[in-house]
Amino acid sequence: MNKNVGRSSLGRSPWLQPTGEANAGHNIFMNYYIYVLKSLKDNNLYIGCTSNLKKRLDYHHKGNVKSTKHRRPLNLIYSEKYNNKYEAYKKERYYKTAKGKKELKNKIKHYSNKNRSGVV
């Protein structure tokens, strides 16, 4: 049996939702973020998903994330907020496809041009 079926690229399963007693005290209204980091060293992008953006960015900047450790320094260039864990991880996986990367790069370009012109 394949253990990776239904898992995101980081081994976390977006298919599993907290239920029952194990969910006691769990905040079901948690926000999730898709974020894009740009390496100033190699100009490549890193796409990730997290429920705590500030904490995750700290991990990246301190070199605690294997895939970005040797690509520092990094800049956060884009993020999206989701209210649903499943939708956030689903979109992260999509953005890692060829079609999704193209869409994401267009969003980033539009976002960058909007911010350069002073429009918020």
PDB file of N, CA and C in Angstrom:
ATOM      1  N   MET A   1       0.846  -1.191   0.000  1.00  0.00           N
ATOM      2  CA  MET A   1       0.000   0.000   0.000  1.00  0.00           C
ATOM      3  C   MET A   1       0.885   1.247   0.000  1.00  0.00           C
ATOM      4  N   ASN A   2       0.567   2.221  -0.821  1.00  0.00           N
ATOM      5  CA  ASN A   2       1.355   3.443  -0.915  1.00  0.00           C
ATOM      6  C   ASN A   2       0.990   4.377   0.236  1.00  0.00           C
ATOM      7  N   LYS A   3       1.960   4.689   1.066  1.00  0.00           N
ATOM      8  CA  LYS A   3       1.717   5.544   2.228  1.00  0.00           C
ATOM      9  C   LYS A   3       1.590   7.016   1.853  1.00  0.00           C
ATOM     10  N   ASN A   4       1.997   7.395   0.639  1.00  0.00           N
ATOM     11  CA  ASN A   4       1.979   8.793   0.236  1.00  0.00           C
ATOM     12  C   ASN A   4       0.690   9.219  -0.458  1.00  0.00           C
ATOM     13  N   VAL A   5      -0.239   8.323  -0.644  1.00  0.00           N
ATOM     14  CA  VAL A   5      -1.494   8.672  -1.295  1.00  0.00           C
ATOM     15  C   VAL A   5      -2.251   9.676  -0.425  1.00  0.00           C
ATOM     16  N   GLY A   6      -2.678  10.786  -1.044  1.00  0.00           N
ATOM     17  CA  GLY A   6      -3.442  11.799  -0.314  1.00  0.00           C
ATOM     18  C   GLY A   6      -2.590  12.704   0.545  1.00  0.00           C
ATOM     19  N   ARG A   7      -1.288  12.704   0.333  1.00  0.00           N
ATOM     20  CA  ARG A   7      -0.423  13.560   1.142  1.00  0.00           C
ATOM     21  C   ARG A   7       0.094  14.725   0.323  1.00  0.00           C
ATOM     22  N   SER A   8       0.311  15.854   0.981  1.00  0.00           N
ATOM     23  CA  SER A   8       0.889  16.995   0.288  1.00  0.00           C
ATOM     24  C   SER A   8       2.382  16.761   0.134  1.00  0.00           C
ATOM     25  N   SER A   9       3.043  17.677  -0.510  1.00  0.00           N
ATOM     26  CA  SER A   9       4.467  17.529  -0.775  1.00  0.00           C
ATOM     27  C   SER A   9       5.293  17.502   0.503  1.00  0.00           C
ATOM     28  N   LEU A  10       4.746  17.976   1.584  1.00  0.00           N
ATOM     29  CA  LEU A  10       5.490  18.024   2.838  1.00  0.00           C
ATOM     30  C   LEU A  10       5.104  16.891   3.777  1.00  0.00           C
ATOM     31  N   GLY A  11       4.357  15.901   3.263  1.00  0.00           N
ATOM     32  CA  GLY A  11       3.998  14.751   4.071  1.00  0.00           C
ATOM     33  C   GLY A  11       2.794  14.960   4.968  1.00  0.00           C
ATOM     34  N   ARG A  12       2.210  16.140   4.918  1.00  0.00           N
ATOM     35  CA  ARG A  12       1.019  16.401   5.732  1.00  0.00           C
ATOM     36  C   ARG A  12      -0.193  16.068   4.892  1.00  0.00           C
ATOM     37  N   SER A  13      -1.169  15.456   5.483  1.00  0.00           N
ATOM     38  CA  SER A  13      -2.343  15.071   4.710  1.00  0.00           C
ATOM     39  C   SER A  13      -3.438  16.124   4.809  1.00  0.00           C
ATOM     40  N   PRO A  14      -3.780  16.765   3.689  1.00  0.00           N
ATOM     41  CA  PRO A  14      -4.880  17.731   3.713  1.00  0.00           C
ATOM     42  C   PRO A  14      -6.233  17.038   3.751  1.00  0.00           C
ATOM     43  N   TRP A  15      -6.237  15.713   3.576  1.00  0.00           N
ATOM     44  CA  TRP A  15      -7.486  14.967   3.550  1.00  0.00           C
ATOM     45  C   TRP A  15      -8.000  14.684   4.955  1.00  0.00           C
ATOM     46  N   LEU A  16      -7.121  14.697   5.935  1.00  0.00           N
ATOM     47  CA  LEU A  16      -7.525  14.373   7.298  1.00  0.00           C
ATOM     48  C   LEU A  16      -8.013  15.619   8.014  1.00  0.00           C
ATOM     49  N   GLN A  17      -9.202  15.566   8.528  1.00  0.00           N
ATOM     50  CA  GLN A  17      -9.761  16.673   9.282  1.00  0.00           C
ATOM     51  C   GLN A  17      -9.868  16.257  10.740  1.00  0.00           C
ATOM     52  N   PRO A  18      -9.548  17.150  11.691  1.00  0.00           N
ATOM     53  CA  PRO A  18      -9.642  16.783  13.106  1.00  0.00           C
ATOM     54  C   PRO A  18     -11.077  16.477  13.508  1.00  0.00           C
ATOM     55  N   THR A  19     -11.259  15.391  14.259  1.00  0.00           N
ATOM     56  CA  THR A  19     -12.599  15.013  14.701  1.00  0.00           C
ATOM     57  C   THR A  19     -12.554  14.507  16.136  1.00  0.00           C
ATOM     58  N   GLY A  20     -13.725  14.408  16.737  1.00  0.00           N
ATOM     59  CA  GLY A  20     -13.896  13.777  18.041  1.00  0.00           C
ATOM     60  C   GLY A  20     -13.077  14.392  19.167  1.00  0.00           C
ATOM     61  N   GLU A  21     -12.760  13.558  20.166  1.00  0.00           N
ATOM     62  CA  GLU A  21     -12.052  14.020  21.355  1.00  0.00           C
ATOM     63  C   GLU A  21     -10.667  14.549  21.030  1.00  0.00           C
ATOM     64  N   ALA A  22     -10.042  13.984  20.016  1.00  0.00           N
ATOM     65  CA  ALA A  22      -8.712  14.450  19.633  1.00  0.00           C
ATOM     66  C   ALA A  22      -8.753  15.908  19.188  1.00  0.00           C
ATOM     67  N   ASN A  23      -9.944  16.389  18.853  1.00  0.00           N
ATOM     68  CA  ASN A  23     -10.118  17.753  18.384  1.00  0.00           C
ATOM     69  C   ASN A  23     -10.494  18.711  19.512  1.00  0.00           C
ATOM     70  N   ALA A  24     -10.589  18.240  20.731  1.00  0.00           N
ATOM     71  CA  ALA A  24     -11.004  19.081  21.852  1.00  0.00           C
ATOM     72  C   ALA A  24     -10.087  20.291  21.973  1.00  0.00           C
ATOM     73  N   GLY A  25     -10.655  21.474  21.937  1.00  0.00           N
ATOM     74  CA  GLY A  25      -9.895  22.707  22.068  1.00  0.00           C
ATOM     75  C   GLY A  25      -9.231  23.149  20.777  1.00  0.00           C
ATOM     76  N   HIS A  26      -9.393  22.394  19.703  1.00  0.00           N
ATOM     77  CA  HIS A  26      -8.786  22.766  18.426  1.00  0.00           C
ATOM     78  C   HIS A  26      -9.575  23.907  17.804  1.00  0.00           C
ATOM     79  N   ASN A  27      -8.859  24.917  17.349  1.00  0.00           N
ATOM     80  CA  ASN A  27      -9.498  26.070  16.729  1.00  0.00           C
ATOM     81  C   ASN A  27      -9.845  25.745  15.283  1.00  0.00           C
ATOM     82  N   ILE A  28     -11.126  25.482  15.026  1.00  0.00           N
ATOM     83  CA  ILE A  28     -11.533  25.126  13.671  1.00  0.00           C
ATOM     84  C   ILE A  28     -11.616  26.340  12.761  1.00  0.00           C
ATOM     85  N   PHE A  29     -11.417  27.534  13.299  1.00  0.00           N
ATOM     86  CA  PHE A  29     -11.456  28.758  12.517  1.00  0.00           C
ATOM     87  C   PHE A  29     -10.052  29.291  12.257  1.00  0.00           C
ATOM     88  N   MET A  30      -9.092  28.400  12.207  1.00  0.00           N
ATOM     89  CA  MET A  30      -7.708  28.774  11.985  1.00  0.00           C
ATOM     90  C   MET A  30      -7.503  29.201  10.534  1.00  0.00           C
ATOM     91  N   ASN A  31      -6.649  30.192  10.316  1.00  0.00           N
ATOM     92  CA  ASN A  31      -6.301  30.618   8.966  1.00  0.00           C
ATOM     93  C   ASN A  31      -5.088  29.836   8.484  1.00  0.00           C
ATOM     94  N   TYR A  32      -5.036  29.626   7.196  1.00  0.00           N
ATOM     95  CA  TYR A  32      -3.900  28.969   6.547  1.00  0.00           C
ATOM     96  C   TYR A  32      -3.395  29.886   5.447  1.00  0.00           C
ATOM     97  N   TYR A  33      -2.105  29.858   5.225  1.00  0.00           N
ATOM     98  CA  TYR A  33      -1.482  30.757   4.270  1.00  0.00           C
ATOM     99  C   TYR A  33      -0.649  29.978   3.252  1.00  0.00           C
ATOM    100  N   ILE A  34      -0.798  30.341   2.006  1.00  0.00           N
ATOM    101  CA  ILE A  34       0.132  29.915   0.973  1.00  0.00           C
ATOM    102  C   ILE A  34       1.078  31.093   0.820  1.00  0.00           C
ATOM    103  N   TYR A  35       2.353  30.797   0.786  1.00  0.00           N
ATOM    104  CA  TYR A  35       3.325  31.881   0.681  1.00  0.00           C
ATOM    105  C   TYR A  35       4.371  31.540  -0.370  1.00  0.00           C
ATOM    106  N   VAL A  36       4.958  32.588  -0.924  1.00  0.00           N
ATOM    107  CA  VAL A  36       5.993  32.422  -1.934  1.00  0.00           C
ATOM    108  C   VAL A  36       7.222  33.208  -1.492  1.00  0.00           C
ATOM    109  N   LEU A  37       8.336  32.498  -1.409  1.00  0.00           N
ATOM    110  CA  LEU A  37       9.614  33.117  -1.072  1.00  0.00           C
ATOM    111  C   LEU A  37      10.477  33.159  -2.322  1.00  0.00           C
ATOM    112  N   LYS A  38      11.232  34.225  -2.470  1.00  0.00           N
ATOM    113  CA  LYS A  38      12.180  34.325  -3.574  1.00  0.00           C
ATOM    114  C   LYS A  38      13.579  34.343  -2.996  1.00  0.00           C
ATOM    115  N   SER A  39      14.415  33.474  -3.516  1.00  0.00           N
ATOM    116  CA  SER A  39      15.797  33.410  -3.078  1.00  0.00           C
ATOM    117  C   SER A  39      16.581  34.540  -3.731  1.00  0.00           C
ATOM    118  N   LEU A  40      17.283  35.325  -2.930  1.00  0.00           N
ATOM    119  CA  LEU A  40      18.132  36.377  -3.467  1.00  0.00           C
ATOM    120  C   LEU A  40      19.455  35.800  -3.960  1.00  0.00           C
ATOM    121  N   LYS A  41      19.710  34.551  -3.606  1.00  0.00           N
ATOM    122  CA  LYS A  41      20.937  33.874  -4.020  1.00  0.00           C
ATOM    123  C   LYS A  41      20.809  33.291  -5.425  1.00  0.00           C
ATOM    124  N   ASP A  42      19.686  32.611  -5.724  1.00  0.00           N
ATOM    125  CA  ASP A  42      19.536  31.960  -7.031  1.00  0.00           C
ATOM    126  C   ASP A  42      18.287  32.413  -7.807  1.00  0.00           C
ATOM    127  N   ASN A  43      17.531  33.357  -7.246  1.00  0.00           N
ATOM    128  CA  ASN A  43      16.314  33.914  -7.867  1.00  0.00           C
ATOM    129  C   ASN A  43      15.192  32.912  -8.079  1.00  0.00           C
ATOM    130  N   ASN A  44      15.277  31.739  -7.490  1.00  0.00           N
ATOM    131  CA  ASN A  44      14.209  30.743  -7.598  1.00  0.00           C
ATOM    132  C   ASN A  44      13.144  30.994  -6.549  1.00  0.00           C
ATOM    133  N   LEU A  45      11.946  30.443  -6.813  1.00  0.00           N
ATOM    134  CA  LEU A  45      10.821  30.603  -5.899  1.00  0.00           C
ATOM    135  C   LEU A  45      10.618  29.346  -5.071  1.00  0.00           C
ATOM    136  N   TYR A  46      10.131  29.539  -3.850  1.00  0.00           N
ATOM    137  CA  TYR A  46       9.735  28.446  -2.972  1.00  0.00           C
ATOM    138  C   TYR A  46       8.276  28.689  -2.623  1.00  0.00           C
ATOM    139  N   ILE A  47       7.429  27.684  -2.794  1.00  0.00           N
ATOM    140  CA  ILE A  47       6.003  27.786  -2.482  1.00  0.00           C
ATOM    141  C   ILE A  47       5.712  26.902  -1.284  1.00  0.00           C
ATOM    142  N   GLY A  48       5.077  27.470  -0.263  1.00  0.00           N
ATOM    143  CA  GLY A  48       4.767  26.706   0.936  1.00  0.00           C
ATOM    144  C   GLY A  48       3.389  27.033   1.472  1.00  0.00           C
ATOM    145  N   CYS A  49       2.987  26.272   2.479  1.00  0.00           N
ATOM    146  CA  CYS A  49       1.685  26.454   3.115  1.00  0.00           C
ATOM    147  C   CYS A  49       1.851  26.246   4.616  1.00  0.00           C
ATOM    148  N   THR A  50       1.193  27.083   5.410  1.00  0.00           N
ATOM    149  CA  THR A  50       1.341  27.000   6.861  1.00  0.00           C
ATOM    150  C   THR A  50       0.140  27.641   7.551  1.00  0.00           C
ATOM    151  N   SER A  51      -0.034  27.312   8.816  1.00  0.00           N
ATOM    152  CA  SER A  51      -1.077  27.959   9.618  1.00  0.00           C
ATOM    153  C   SER A  51      -0.506  29.114  10.436  1.00  0.00           C
ATOM    154  N   ASN A  52       0.821  29.202  10.502  1.00  0.00           N
ATOM    155  CA  ASN A  52       1.474  30.276  11.255  1.00  0.00           C
ATOM    156  C   ASN A  52       2.584  30.869  10.387  1.00  0.00           C
ATOM    157  N   LEU A  53       2.228  31.879   9.612  1.00  0.00           N
ATOM    158  CA  LEU A  53       3.146  32.444   8.629  1.00  0.00           C
ATOM    159  C   LEU A  53       4.389  33.048   9.283  1.00  0.00           C
ATOM    160  N   LYS A  54       4.211  33.795  10.341  1.00  0.00           N
ATOM    161  CA  LYS A  54       5.357  34.434  10.999  1.00  0.00           C
ATOM    162  C   LYS A  54       6.361  33.389  11.495  1.00  0.00           C
ATOM    163  N   LYS A  55       5.859  32.358  12.153  1.00  0.00           N
ATOM    164  CA  LYS A  55       6.720  31.306  12.683  1.00  0.00           C
ATOM    165  C   LYS A  55       7.438  30.560  11.557  1.00  0.00           C
ATOM    166  N   ARG A  56       6.707  30.268  10.484  1.00  0.00           N
ATOM    167  CA  ARG A  56       7.294  29.535   9.358  1.00  0.00           C
ATOM    168  C   ARG A  56       8.381  30.371   8.676  1.00  0.00           C
ATOM    169  N   LEU A  57       8.141  31.678   8.527  1.00  0.00           N
ATOM    170  CA  LEU A  57       9.152  32.549   7.934  1.00  0.00           C
ATOM    171  C   LEU A  57      10.409  32.602   8.799  1.00  0.00           C
ATOM    172  N   ASP A  58      10.221  32.620  10.118  1.00  0.00           N
ATOM    173  CA  ASP A  58      11.369  32.585  11.036  1.00  0.00           C
ATOM    174  C   ASP A  58      12.188  31.314  10.812  1.00  0.00           C
ATOM    175  N   TYR A  59      11.518  30.170  10.650  1.00  0.00           N
ATOM    176  CA  TYR A  59      12.223  28.907  10.382  1.00  0.00           C
ATOM    177  C   TYR A  59      13.059  29.019   9.106  1.00  0.00           C
ATOM    178  N   HIS A  60      12.444  29.587   8.069  1.00  0.00           N
ATOM    179  CA  HIS A  60      13.168  29.741   6.799  1.00  0.00           C
ATOM    180  C   HIS A  60      14.386  30.650   6.972  1.00  0.00           C
ATOM    181  N   HIS A  61      14.196  31.796   7.605  1.00  0.00           N
ATOM    182  CA  HIS A  61      15.280  32.771   7.746  1.00  0.00           C
ATOM    183  C   HIS A  61      16.420  32.270   8.631  1.00  0.00           C
ATOM    184  N   LYS A  62      16.109  31.411   9.584  1.00  0.00           N
ATOM    185  CA  LYS A  62      17.142  30.858  10.472  1.00  0.00           C
ATOM    186  C   LYS A  62      17.845  29.650   9.863  1.00  0.00           C
ATOM    187  N   GLY A  63      17.380  29.179   8.702  1.00  0.00           N
ATOM    188  CA  GLY A  63      18.007  28.040   8.049  1.00  0.00           C
ATOM    189  C   GLY A  63      17.527  26.702   8.569  1.00  0.00           C
ATOM    190  N   ASN A  64      16.365  26.666   9.196  1.00  0.00           N
ATOM    191  CA  ASN A  64      15.817  25.431   9.757  1.00  0.00           C
ATOM    192  C   ASN A  64      14.956  24.638   8.777  1.00  0.00           C
ATOM    193  N   VAL A  65      14.845  25.099   7.536  1.00  0.00           N
ATOM    194  CA  VAL A  65      14.073  24.390   6.523  1.00  0.00           C
ATOM    195  C   VAL A  65      15.059  23.870   5.478  1.00  0.00           C
ATOM    196  N   LYS A  66      15.112  22.560   5.350  1.00  0.00           N
ATOM    197  CA  LYS A  66      16.102  21.899   4.499  1.00  0.00           C
ATOM    198  C   LYS A  66      16.120  22.432   3.061  1.00  0.00           C
ATOM    199  N   SER A  67      14.933  22.605   2.477  1.00  0.00           N
ATOM    200  CA  SER A  67      14.874  22.985   1.063  1.00  0.00           C
ATOM    201  C   SER A  67      15.255  24.443   0.790  1.00  0.00           C
ATOM    202  N   THR A  68      15.288  25.294   1.805  1.00  0.00           N
ATOM    203  CA  THR A  68      15.673  26.693   1.575  1.00  0.00           C
ATOM    204  C   THR A  68      16.939  27.092   2.338  1.00  0.00           C
ATOM    205  N   LYS A  69      17.460  26.190   3.115  1.00  0.00           N
ATOM    206  CA  LYS A  69      18.617  26.483   3.966  1.00  0.00           C
ATOM    207  C   LYS A  69      19.785  27.090   3.187  1.00  0.00           C
ATOM    208  N   HIS A  70      20.090  26.525   2.023  1.00  0.00           N
ATOM    209  CA  HIS A  70      21.251  26.974   1.249  1.00  0.00           C
ATOM    210  C   HIS A  70      20.875  27.981   0.164  1.00  0.00           C
ATOM    211  N   ARG A  71      19.648  28.477   0.233  1.00  0.00           N
ATOM    212  CA  ARG A  71      19.175  29.450  -0.762  1.00  0.00           C
ATOM    213  C   ARG A  71      18.939  30.821  -0.148  1.00  0.00           C
ATOM    214  N   ARG A  72      19.321  30.971   1.118  1.00  0.00           N
ATOM    215  CA  ARG A  72      19.133  32.248   1.801  1.00  0.00           C
ATOM    216  C   ARG A  72      20.104  33.283   1.268  1.00  0.00           C
ATOM    217  N   PRO A  73      19.754  34.571   1.368  1.00  0.00           N
ATOM    218  CA  PRO A  73      18.571  35.177   1.987  1.00  0.00           C
ATOM    219  C   PRO A  73      17.322  35.024   1.110  1.00  0.00           C
ATOM    220  N   LEU A  74      16.170  35.108   1.781  1.00  0.00           N
ATOM    221  CA  LEU A  74      14.874  34.922   1.133  1.00  0.00           C
ATOM    222  C   LEU A  74      13.980  36.131   1.394  1.00  0.00           C
ATOM    223  N   ASN A  75      13.160  36.449   0.416  1.00  0.00           N
ATOM    224  CA  ASN A  75      12.155  37.504   0.581  1.00  0.00           C
ATOM    225  C   ASN A  75      10.771  36.921   0.378  1.00  0.00           C
ATOM    226  N   LEU A  76       9.843  37.302   1.251  1.00  0.00           N
ATOM    227  CA  LEU A  76       8.438  36.949   1.050  1.00  0.00           C
ATOM    228  C   LEU A  76       7.913  37.878  -0.031  1.00  0.00           C
ATOM    229  N   ILE A  77       7.477  37.307  -1.152  1.00  0.00           N
ATOM    230  CA  ILE A  77       7.008  38.159  -2.255  1.00  0.00           C
ATOM    231  C   ILE A  77       5.500  38.068  -2.477  1.00  0.00           C
ATOM    232  N   TYR A  78       4.849  37.067  -1.865  1.00  0.00           N
ATOM    233  CA  TYR A  78       3.415  36.904  -2.091  1.00  0.00           C
ATOM    234  C   TYR A  78       2.834  35.950  -1.062  1.00  0.00           C
ATOM    235  N   SER A  79       1.582  36.185  -0.680  1.00  0.00           N
ATOM    236  CA  SER A  79       0.881  35.239   0.191  1.00  0.00           C
ATOM    237  C   SER A  79      -0.622  35.327  -0.064  1.00  0.00           C
ATOM    238  N   GLU A  80      -1.295  34.236   0.227  1.00  0.00           N
ATOM    239  CA  GLU A  80      -2.756  34.162   0.136  1.00  0.00           C
ATOM    240  C   GLU A  80      -3.265  33.558   1.430  1.00  0.00           C
ATOM    241  N   LYS A  81      -4.405  34.042   1.902  1.00  0.00           N
ATOM    242  CA  LYS A  81      -4.993  33.572   3.152  1.00  0.00           C
ATOM    243  C   LYS A  81      -6.226  32.719   2.852  1.00  0.00           C
ATOM    244  N   TYR A  82      -6.324  31.599   3.563  1.00  0.00           N
ATOM    245  CA  TYR A  82      -7.465  30.683   3.409  1.00  0.00           C
ATOM    246  C   TYR A  82      -8.048  30.377   4.786  1.00  0.00           C
ATOM    247  N   ASN A  83      -9.347  30.139   4.833  1.00  0.00           N
ATOM    248  CA  ASN A  83     -10.019  29.753   6.073  1.00  0.00           C
ATOM    249  C   ASN A  83     -10.137  28.239   6.197  1.00  0.00           C
ATOM    250  N   ASN A  84      -9.763  27.531   5.157  1.00  0.00           N
ATOM    251  CA  ASN A  84      -9.955  26.097   5.104  1.00  0.00           C
ATOM    252  C   ASN A  84      -8.625  25.407   4.791  1.00  0.00           C
ATOM    253  N   LYS A  85      -8.202  24.516   5.661  1.00  0.00           N
ATOM    254  CA  LYS A  85      -6.930  23.806   5.515  1.00  0.00           C
ATOM    255  C   LYS A  85      -6.885  23.022   4.205  1.00  0.00           C
ATOM    256  N   TYR A  86      -7.959  22.308   3.910  1.00  0.00           N
ATOM    257  CA  TYR A  86      -8.014  21.503   2.699  1.00  0.00           C
ATOM    258  C   TYR A  86      -7.802  22.357   1.456  1.00  0.00           C
ATOM    259  N   GLU A  87      -8.511  23.487   1.368  1.00  0.00           N
ATOM    260  CA  GLU A  87      -8.397  24.365   0.206  1.00  0.00           C
ATOM    261  C   GLU A  87      -6.995  24.958   0.085  1.00  0.00           C
ATOM    262  N   ALA A  88      -6.395  25.311   1.205  1.00  0.00           N
ATOM    263  CA  ALA A  88      -5.052  25.885   1.184  1.00  0.00           C
ATOM    264  C   ALA A  88      -4.030  24.885   0.647  1.00  0.00           C
ATOM    265  N   TYR A  89      -4.044  23.653   1.158  1.00  0.00           N
ATOM    266  CA  TYR A  89      -3.085  22.649   0.700  1.00  0.00           C
ATOM    267  C   TYR A  89      -3.367  22.217  -0.739  1.00  0.00           C
ATOM    268  N   LYS A  90      -4.624  22.206  -1.113  1.00  0.00           N
ATOM    269  CA  LYS A  90      -4.992  21.876  -2.491  1.00  0.00           C
ATOM    270  C   LYS A  90      -4.418  22.934  -3.448  1.00  0.00           C
ATOM    271  N   LYS A  91      -4.530  24.195  -3.065  1.00  0.00           N
ATOM    272  CA  LYS A  91      -4.024  25.285  -3.908  1.00  0.00           C
ATOM    273  C   LYS A  91      -2.488  25.268  -3.941  1.00  0.00           C
ATOM    274  N   GLU A  92      -1.861  24.945  -2.818  1.00  0.00           N
ATOM    275  CA  GLU A  92      -0.394  24.839  -2.791  1.00  0.00           C
ATOM    276  C   GLU A  92       0.065  23.796  -3.815  1.00  0.00           C
ATOM    277  N   ARG A  93      -0.586  22.640  -3.809  1.00  0.00           N
ATOM    278  CA  ARG A  93      -0.230  21.575  -4.759  1.00  0.00           C
ATOM    279  C   ARG A  93      -0.443  22.036  -6.200  1.00  0.00           C
ATOM    280  N   TYR A  94      -1.525  22.762  -6.446  1.00  0.00           N
ATOM    281  CA  TYR A  94      -1.805  23.282  -7.781  1.00  0.00           C
ATOM    282  C   TYR A  94      -0.712  24.250  -8.226  1.00  0.00           C
ATOM    283  N   TYR A  95      -0.304  25.154  -7.348  1.00  0.00           N
ATOM    284  CA  TYR A  95       0.718  26.137  -7.691  1.00  0.00           C
ATOM    285  C   TYR A  95       2.070  25.487  -8.012  1.00  0.00           C
ATOM    286  N   LYS A  96       2.244  24.245  -7.610  1.00  0.00           N
ATOM    287  CA  LYS A  96       3.496  23.542  -7.894  1.00  0.00           C
ATOM    288  C   LYS A  96       3.461  22.806  -9.235  1.00  0.00           C
ATOM    289  N   THR A  97       2.320  22.883  -9.946  1.00  0.00           N
ATOM    290  CA  THR A  97       2.221  22.302 -11.286  1.00  0.00           C
ATOM    291  C   THR A  97       2.644  23.373 -12.302  1.00  0.00           C
ATOM    292  N   ALA A  98       2.904  22.957 -13.528  1.00  0.00           N
ATOM    293  CA  ALA A  98       3.309  23.912 -14.570  1.00  0.00           C
ATOM    294  C   ALA A  98       2.229  24.985 -14.786  1.00  0.00           C
ATOM    295  N   LYS A  99       0.973  24.553 -14.891  1.00  0.00           N
ATOM    296  CA  LYS A  99      -0.137  25.493 -15.103  1.00  0.00           C
ATOM    297  C   LYS A  99      -0.289  26.426 -13.892  1.00  0.00           C
ATOM    298  N   GLY A 100      -0.165  25.852 -12.698  1.00  0.00           N
ATOM    299  CA  GLY A 100      -0.305  26.635 -11.482  1.00  0.00           C
ATOM    300  C   GLY A 100       0.818  27.652 -11.311  1.00  0.00           C
ATOM    301  N   LYS A 101       2.041  27.269 -11.667  1.00  0.00           N
ATOM    302  CA  LYS A 101       3.177  28.202 -11.577  1.00  0.00           C
ATOM    303  C   LYS A 101       2.977  29.395 -12.493  1.00  0.00           C
ATOM    304  N   LYS A 102       2.458  29.124 -13.671  1.00  0.00           N
ATOM    305  CA  LYS A 102       2.193  30.206 -14.620  1.00  0.00           C
ATOM    306  C   LYS A 102       1.161  31.179 -14.042  1.00  0.00           C
ATOM    307  N   GLU A 103       0.079  30.632 -13.494  1.00  0.00           N
ATOM    308  CA  GLU A 103      -0.965  31.467 -12.885  1.00  0.00           C
ATOM    309  C   GLU A 103      -0.401  32.264 -11.698  1.00  0.00           C
ATOM    310  N   LEU A 104       0.382  31.583 -10.874  1.00  0.00           N
ATOM    311  CA  LEU A 104       0.954  32.236  -9.706  1.00  0.00           C
ATOM    312  C   LEU A 104       1.898  33.368 -10.110  1.00  0.00           C
ATOM    313  N   LYS A 105       2.734  33.136 -11.108  1.00  0.00           N
ATOM    314  CA  LYS A 105       3.660  34.186 -11.567  1.00  0.00           C
ATOM    315  C   LYS A 105       2.904  35.389 -12.106  1.00  0.00           C
ATOM    316  N   ASN A 106       1.772  35.158 -12.778  1.00  0.00           N
ATOM    317  CA  ASN A 106       0.936  36.271 -13.247  1.00  0.00           C
ATOM    318  C   ASN A 106       0.345  37.045 -12.071  1.00  0.00           C
ATOM    319  N   LYS A 107      -0.100  36.329 -11.038  1.00  0.00           N
ATOM    320  CA  LYS A 107      -0.639  36.986  -9.840  1.00  0.00           C
ATOM    321  C   LYS A 107       0.439  37.830  -9.162  1.00  0.00           C
ATOM    322  N   ILE A 108       1.638  37.264  -9.057  1.00  0.00           N
ATOM    323  CA  ILE A 108       2.747  37.980  -8.408  1.00  0.00           C
ATOM    324  C   ILE A 108       3.106  39.226  -9.210  1.00  0.00           C
ATOM    325  N   LYS A 109       3.151  39.089 -10.530  1.00  0.00           N
ATOM    326  CA  LYS A 109       3.470  40.226 -11.394  1.00  0.00           C
ATOM    327  C   LYS A 109       2.426  41.325 -11.231  1.00  0.00           C
ATOM    328  N   HIS A 110       1.143  40.946 -11.249  1.00  0.00           N
ATOM    329  CA  HIS A 110       0.047  41.905 -11.078  1.00  0.00           C
ATOM    330  C   HIS A 110       0.131  42.570  -9.701  1.00  0.00           C
ATOM    331  N   TYR A 111       0.384  41.751  -8.667  1.00  0.00           N
ATOM    332  CA  TYR A 111       0.500  42.245  -7.297  1.00  0.00           C
ATOM    333  C   TYR A 111       1.658  43.229  -7.183  1.00  0.00           C
ATOM    334  N   SER A 112       2.810  42.894  -7.785  1.00  0.00           N
ATOM    335  CA  SER A 112       3.989  43.764  -7.731  1.00  0.00           C
ATOM    336  C   SER A 112       3.750  45.088  -8.440  1.00  0.00           C
ATOM    337  N   ASN A 113       3.128  45.023  -9.617  1.00  0.00           N
ATOM    338  CA  ASN A 113       2.836  46.264 -10.362  1.00  0.00           C
ATOM    339  C   ASN A 113       1.857  47.135  -9.620  1.00  0.00           C
ATOM    340  N   LYS A 114       0.875  46.520  -8.983  1.00  0.00           N
ATOM    341  CA  LYS A 114      -0.124  47.257  -8.209  1.00  0.00           C
ATOM    342  C   LYS A 114       0.531  47.988  -7.044  1.00  0.00           C
ATOM    343  N   ASN A 115       1.447  47.307  -6.354  1.00  0.00           N
ATOM    344  CA  ASN A 115       2.103  47.911  -5.203  1.00  0.00           C
ATOM    345  C   ASN A 115       3.133  48.976  -5.601  1.00  0.00           C
ATOM    346  N   ARG A 116       3.770  48.825  -6.766  1.00  0.00           N
ATOM    347  CA  ARG A 116       4.727  49.818  -7.227  1.00  0.00           C
ATOM    348  C   ARG A 116       4.030  51.124  -7.608  1.00  0.00           C
ATOM    349  N   SER A 117       2.795  51.017  -8.073  1.00  0.00           N
ATOM    350  CA  SER A 117       2.069  52.219  -8.503  1.00  0.00           C
ATOM    351  C   SER A 117       1.421  52.934  -7.311  1.00  0.00           C
ATOM    352  N   GLY A 118       1.597  52.390  -6.107  1.00  0.00           N
ATOM    353  CA  GLY A 118       1.047  53.035  -4.928  1.00  0.00           C
ATOM    354  C   GLY A 118      -0.363  52.620  -4.596  1.00  0.00           C
ATOM    355  N   VAL A 119      -0.952  51.739  -5.390  1.00  0.00           N
ATOM    356  CA  VAL A 119      -2.308  51.253  -5.134  1.00  0.00           C
ATOM    357  C   VAL A 119      -2.221  50.128  -4.129  1.00  0.00           C
ATOM    358  N   VAL A 120      -3.024  50.193  -3.092  1.00  0.00           N
ATOM    359  CA  VAL A 120      -3.015  49.150  -2.069  1.00  0.00           C
ATOM    360  C   VAL A 120      -4.277  48.343  -2.131  1.00  0.00           C
TER     361      VAL A 120
END
